[in-house]
C-alpha atoms as a PDB file:
ATOM      1  CA  MET A   1       0.181  -0.362   0.649  1.00  0.00           C
ATOM      2  CA  ASN A   2       2.854   2.444   0.355  1.00  0.00           C
ATOM      3  CA  ILE A   3       3.391   1.981  -2.615  1.00  0.00           C
ATOM      4  CA  ILE A   4       1.102   2.718  -4.167  1.00  0.00           C
ATOM      5  CA  PHE A   5       1.209   6.147  -2.371  1.00  0.00           C
ATOM      6  CA  MET A   6       4.927   7.105  -3.415  1.00  0.00           C
ATOM      7  CA  LEU A   7       3.605   6.328  -6.590  1.00  0.00           C
ATOM      8  CA  ILE A   8       1.148   9.070  -6.631  1.00  0.00           C
ATOM      9  CA  ILE A   9       3.343  11.188  -5.274  1.00  0.00           C
ATOM     10  CA  ALA A  10       6.153  11.245  -7.955  1.00  0.00           C
ATOM     11  CA  SER A  11       3.172  11.007 -10.514  1.00  0.00           C
ATOM     12  CA  LEU A  12       1.599  14.241  -9.305  1.00  0.00           C
ATOM     13  CA  PHE A  13       5.290  15.061  -8.955  1.00  0.00           C
ATOM     14  CA  ILE A  14       6.351  15.155 -12.197  1.00  0.00           C
ATOM     15  CA  ALA A  15       2.546  15.970 -13.503  1.00  0.00           C
ATOM     16  CA  ILE A  16       3.292  19.346 -11.790  1.00  0.00           C
ATOM     17  CA  ILE A  17       6.950  20.201 -13.712  1.00  0.00           C
ATOM     18  CA  PHE A  18       5.829  19.214 -16.508  1.00  0.00           C
ATOM     19  CA  PHE A  19       3.139  21.954 -16.651  1.00  0.00           C
ATOM     20  CA  ILE A  20       5.442  24.238 -14.681  1.00  0.00           C
ATOM     21  CA  LEU A  21       7.439  24.511 -18.096  1.00  0.00           C
ATOM     22  CA  PHE A  22       4.845  23.957 -20.428  1.00  0.00           C
ATOM     23  CA  ILE A  23       3.299  27.466 -18.621  1.00  0.00           C
ATOM     24  CA  LYS A  24       7.084  28.942 -19.096  1.00  0.00           C
ATOM     25  CA  SER A  25       7.450  27.922 -22.468  1.00  0.00           C
ATOM     26  CA  VAL A  26       3.864  29.791 -23.526  1.00  0.00           C
ATOM     27  CA  LYS A  27       5.121  32.572 -21.807  1.00  0.00           C
ATOM     28  CA  SER A  28       8.571  32.952 -23.217  1.00  0.00           C
ATOM     29  CA  GLY A  29       6.880  32.640 -27.127  1.00  0.00           C
ATOM     30  CA  GLN A  30       7.486  28.631 -28.273  1.00  0.00           C
ATOM     31  CA  TYR A  31       4.169  29.096 -29.632  1.00  0.00           C
ATOM     32  CA  ASP A  32       3.445  32.066 -31.436  1.00  0.00           C
ATOM     33  CA  ASP A  33       2.996  31.519 -35.133  1.00  0.00           C
ATOM     34  CA  VAL A  34       4.521  33.755 -37.151  1.00  0.00           C
ATOM     35  CA  TYR A  35       3.713  31.779 -40.027  1.00  0.00           C
ATOM     36  CA  THR A  36       0.526  32.517 -40.908  1.00  0.00           C
ATOM     37  CA  PRO A  37       0.504  36.096 -40.686  1.00  0.00           C
ATOM     38  CA  SER A  38       2.746  36.661 -43.459  1.00  0.00           C
ATOM     39  CA  VAL A  39       0.871  34.405 -44.936  1.00  0.00           C
ATOM     40  CA  ARG A  40      -3.254  35.429 -44.669  1.00  0.00           C
ATOM     41  CA  MET A  41      -2.785  38.716 -46.842  1.00  0.00           C
ATOM     42  CA  LEU A  42      -1.892  36.335 -49.745  1.00  0.00           C
ATOM     43  CA  PHE A  43      -5.660  35.345 -48.945  1.00  0.00           C
ATOM     44  CA  ASP A  44      -7.472  38.128 -48.509  1.00  0.00           C
ATOM     45  CA  ASP A  45      -8.320  39.334 -52.001  1.00  0.00           C
ATOM     46  CA  GLU A  46     -10.020  35.484 -52.653  1.00  0.00           C
ATOM     47  CA  LEU A  47     -11.944  35.514 -48.929  1.00  0.00           C
ATOM     48  CA  VAL A  48     -14.207  39.213 -49.507  1.00  0.00           C
ATOM     49  CA  ASN A  49     -14.103  38.065 -53.493  1.00  0.00           C
ATOM     50  CA  GLU A  50     -16.199  34.572 -51.656  1.00  0.00           C
ATOM     51  CA  ASN A  51     -17.690  36.734 -49.716  1.00  0.00           C
ATOM     52  CA  SER A  52     -18.751  39.396 -52.158  1.00  0.00           C
ATOM     53  CA  SER A  53     -20.202  36.942 -54.414  1.00  0.00           C
ATOM     54  CA  ASN A  54     -22.237  34.805 -51.730  1.00  0.00           C
ATOM     55  CA  LYS A  55     -23.975  38.168 -50.789  1.00  0.00           C
ATOM     56  CA  LYS A  56     -25.149  39.343 -53.983  1.00  0.00           C
ATOM     57  CA  ALA A  57     -26.354  35.685 -54.210  1.00  0.00           C
ATOM     58  CA  THR A  58     -28.442  35.898 -51.564  1.00  0.00           C
ATOM     59  CA  LYS A  59     -29.839  39.254 -52.475  1.00  0.00           C
ATOM     60  CA  SER A  60     -31.749  37.448 -55.322  1.00  0.00           C
END
């Protein structure tokens, strides 16, 4: 029974360490998307054209 308690404590300790490392990496900007904003401007015209054609079709 003692080993179960030790394993639970060890797993909680490891989970807390991983959670702290995850929060640290998010705050440092590791998961920031730097590629999509530069490519999004290339597709803006297509989205505007699709939206305007959809609006014309719904008015008719």
